[in-house]
Amino acid sequence: MNENQNVAVVVKRQDGPDEVFRWEEFSVPYQPGMNVISLLQAIRLNPVTRDGKPTIPVTWDCNCLEEVCGACTMIVNGRVCQSCAALVDRLPRPIVLEPMTKF
């Protein structure tokens, strides 16, 4: 993937624990060496969906960013993994992000 391309990201969103979830799609400029946290940071800085609709910035937990603490663990493309270790170059597109269902 070259630096002029964007990464398609689909995020499962929910306004509260008892609210119905929805999917939002984003397009994030690609940069070499990106991980899922880099994608989330880009979305947080510019919370606009792929179709240009402003939305609430994404939130997630993270701490060490070094694959140690596990705070950033989420479901990435249907598999539970640490988002700091999930490299964009190794993931099929679109990248689908969901919170873990047990927490």
C-alpha atoms as a PDB file:
ATOM      1  CA  MET A   1       0.000   0.000   0.000  1.00  0.00           C
ATOM      2  CA  ASN A   2       1.401   3.431  -0.802  1.00  0.00           C
ATOM      3  CA  GLU A   3       1.160   6.602   1.261  1.00  0.00           C
ATOM      4  CA  ASN A   4      -1.395   8.212  -1.080  1.00  0.00           C
ATOM      5  CA  GLN A   5      -4.043   5.620  -0.269  1.00  0.00           C
ATOM      6  CA  ASN A   6      -6.571   5.563   2.533  1.00  0.00           C
ATOM      7  CA  VAL A   7      -7.437   2.745   4.911  1.00  0.00           C
ATOM      8  CA  ALA A   8     -11.118   1.799   5.174  1.00  0.00           C
ATOM      9  CA  VAL A   9     -12.128   1.330   8.810  1.00  0.00           C
ATOM     10  CA  VAL A  10     -15.510   0.196  10.121  1.00  0.00           C
ATOM     11  CA  VAL A  11     -16.165   0.803  13.825  1.00  0.00           C
ATOM     12  CA  LYS A  12     -18.969  -0.623  15.942  1.00  0.00           C
ATOM     13  CA  ARG A  13     -20.358   2.323  17.943  1.00  0.00           C
ATOM     14  CA  GLN A  14     -22.812   2.530  20.822  1.00  0.00           C
ATOM     15  CA  ASP A  15     -23.973   5.617  22.754  1.00  0.00           C
ATOM     16  CA  GLY A  16     -24.393   3.720  26.028  1.00  0.00           C
ATOM     17  CA  PRO A  17     -24.494   0.198  27.455  1.00  0.00           C
ATOM     18  CA  ASP A  18     -28.249  -0.126  26.897  1.00  0.00           C
ATOM     19  CA  GLU A  19     -28.309   1.588  23.509  1.00  0.00           C
ATOM     20  CA  VAL A  20     -28.519  -0.100  20.116  1.00  0.00           C
ATOM     21  CA  PHE A  21     -25.182  -0.360  18.315  1.00  0.00           C
ATOM     22  CA  ARG A  22     -24.463   1.051  14.869  1.00  0.00           C
ATOM     23  CA  TRP A  23     -21.606   0.786  12.378  1.00  0.00           C
ATOM     24  CA  GLU A  24     -19.669   3.841  11.210  1.00  0.00           C
ATOM     25  CA  GLU A  25     -17.241   3.825   8.313  1.00  0.00           C
ATOM     26  CA  PHE A  26     -14.106   5.960   8.161  1.00  0.00           C
ATOM     27  CA  SER A  27     -11.354   6.574   5.630  1.00  0.00           C
ATOM     28  CA  VAL A  28      -7.954   7.193   7.233  1.00  0.00           C
ATOM     29  CA  PRO A  29      -4.851   8.338   5.334  1.00  0.00           C
ATOM     30  CA  TYR A  30      -2.324   5.506   5.229  1.00  0.00           C
ATOM     31  CA  GLN A  31       1.124   5.871   6.754  1.00  0.00           C
ATOM     32  CA  PRO A  32       3.802   3.160   6.836  1.00  0.00           C
ATOM     33  CA  GLY A  33       4.043   1.282  10.120  1.00  0.00           C
ATOM     34  CA  MET A  34       0.504   2.091  11.270  1.00  0.00           C
ATOM     35  CA  ASN A  35      -1.219  -0.065  13.843  1.00  0.00           C
ATOM     36  CA  VAL A  36      -4.886  -0.056  14.853  1.00  0.00           C
ATOM     37  CA  ILE A  37      -4.232   2.502  17.586  1.00  0.00           C
ATOM     38  CA  SER A  38      -2.807   4.850  14.928  1.00  0.00           C
ATOM     39  CA  LEU A  39      -6.067   4.475  12.996  1.00  0.00           C
ATOM     40  CA  LEU A  40      -8.132   5.223  16.092  1.00  0.00           C
ATOM     41  CA  GLN A  41      -6.013   8.268  16.915  1.00  0.00           C
ATOM     42  CA  ALA A  42      -6.534   9.616  13.390  1.00  0.00           C
ATOM     43  CA  ILE A  43     -10.298   9.083  13.688  1.00  0.00           C
ATOM     44  CA  ARG A  44     -10.336  10.786  17.093  1.00  0.00           C
ATOM     45  CA  LEU A  45      -8.522  13.819  15.654  1.00  0.00           C
ATOM     46  CA  ASN A  46     -10.958  14.041  12.735  1.00  0.00           C
ATOM     47  CA  PRO A  47     -14.256  12.392  13.734  1.00  0.00           C
ATOM     48  CA  VAL A  48     -15.909  12.527  10.317  1.00  0.00           C
ATOM     49  CA  THR A  49     -17.376   9.438   8.695  1.00  0.00           C
ATOM     50  CA  ARG A  50     -16.450   8.286   5.226  1.00  0.00           C
ATOM     51  CA  ASP A  51     -19.516  10.052   3.820  1.00  0.00           C
ATOM     52  CA  GLY A  52     -18.560  13.369   5.475  1.00  0.00           C
ATOM     53  CA  LYS A  53     -20.881  13.249   8.490  1.00  0.00           C
ATOM     54  CA  PRO A  54     -19.419  14.601  11.775  1.00  0.00           C
ATOM     55  CA  THR A  55     -19.624  12.104  14.633  1.00  0.00           C
ATOM     56  CA  ILE A  56     -18.533  11.670  18.221  1.00  0.00           C
ATOM     57  CA  PRO A  57     -14.775  10.963  18.591  1.00  0.00           C
ATOM     58  CA  VAL A  58     -13.968   7.298  19.220  1.00  0.00           C
ATOM     59  CA  THR A  59     -12.827   6.175  22.657  1.00  0.00           C
ATOM     60  CA  TRP A  60     -10.828   3.127  23.673  1.00  0.00           C
ATOM     61  CA  ASP A  61      -8.502   2.010  26.430  1.00  0.00           C
ATOM     62  CA  CYS A  62      -4.764   1.762  26.064  1.00  0.00           C
ATOM     63  CA  ASN A  63      -1.827   2.097  28.388  1.00  0.00           C
ATOM     64  CA  CYS A  64       1.610   0.752  27.574  1.00  0.00           C
ATOM     65  CA  LEU A  65       1.508   0.594  23.722  1.00  0.00           C
ATOM     66  CA  GLU A  66       4.110  -2.190  23.967  1.00  0.00           C
ATOM     67  CA  GLU A  67       2.027  -5.399  23.881  1.00  0.00           C
ATOM     68  CA  VAL A  68       2.309  -5.854  27.655  1.00  0.00           C
ATOM     69  CA  CYS A  69      -0.765  -4.628  29.538  1.00  0.00           C
ATOM     70  CA  GLY A  70      -3.611  -5.814  27.272  1.00  0.00           C
ATOM     71  CA  ALA A  71      -5.718  -2.694  27.910  1.00  0.00           C
ATOM     72  CA  CYS A  72      -6.086  -2.040  24.158  1.00  0.00           C
ATOM     73  CA  THR A  73      -7.464  -5.505  23.405  1.00  0.00           C
ATOM     74  CA  MET A  74     -10.449  -5.452  21.056  1.00  0.00           C
ATOM     75  CA  ILE A  75     -11.954  -7.443  18.219  1.00  0.00           C
ATOM     76  CA  VAL A  76     -10.137  -6.674  14.972  1.00  0.00           C
ATOM     77  CA  ASN A  77     -11.625  -8.283  11.873  1.00  0.00           C
ATOM     78  CA  GLY A  78     -13.423 -10.853  14.024  1.00  0.00           C
ATOM     79  CA  ARG A  79     -10.407 -11.859  16.129  1.00  0.00           C
ATOM     80  CA  VAL A  80      -9.508 -10.733  19.635  1.00  0.00           C
ATOM     81  CA  CYS A  81      -6.103  -9.043  19.659  1.00  0.00           C
ATOM     82  CA  GLN A  82      -4.170  -6.157  21.115  1.00  0.00           C
ATOM     83  CA  SER A  83      -4.690  -3.141  18.882  1.00  0.00           C
ATOM     84  CA  CYS A  84      -1.129  -1.931  19.500  1.00  0.00           C
ATOM     85  CA  ALA A  85       0.145  -5.157  17.899  1.00  0.00           C
ATOM     86  CA  ALA A  86      -2.338  -5.230  15.005  1.00  0.00           C
ATOM     87  CA  LEU A  87      -0.388  -3.794  12.067  1.00  0.00           C
ATOM     88  CA  VAL A  88      -2.436  -2.242   9.282  1.00  0.00           C
ATOM     89  CA  ASP A  89      -0.219  -3.722   6.556  1.00  0.00           C
ATOM     90  CA  ARG A  90      -1.073  -7.242   7.753  1.00  0.00           C
ATOM     91  CA  LEU A  91      -4.856  -6.788   7.978  1.00  0.00           C
ATOM     92  CA  PRO A  92      -7.425  -7.331   5.229  1.00  0.00           C
ATOM     93  CA  ARG A  93      -9.600  -4.354   4.304  1.00  0.00           C
ATOM     94  CA  PRO A  94     -11.869  -2.986   5.467  1.00  0.00           C
ATOM     95  CA  ILE A  95     -10.537  -3.142   9.005  1.00  0.00           C
ATOM     96  CA  VAL A  96     -13.491  -3.862  11.288  1.00  0.00           C
ATOM     97  CA  LEU A  97     -13.154  -2.825  14.940  1.00  0.00           C
ATOM     98  CA  GLU A  98     -15.419  -3.910  17.782  1.00  0.00           C
ATOM     99  CA  PRO A  99     -15.163  -3.834  21.579  1.00  0.00           C
ATOM    100  CA  MET A 100     -14.708  -7.153  23.305  1.00  0.00           C
ATOM    101  CA  THR A 101     -18.107  -8.578  24.196  1.00  0.00           C
ATOM    102  CA  LYS A 102     -17.270  -9.678  27.741  1.00  0.00           C
ATOM    103  CA  PHE A 103     -16.549  -6.195  29.120  1.00  0.00           C
END
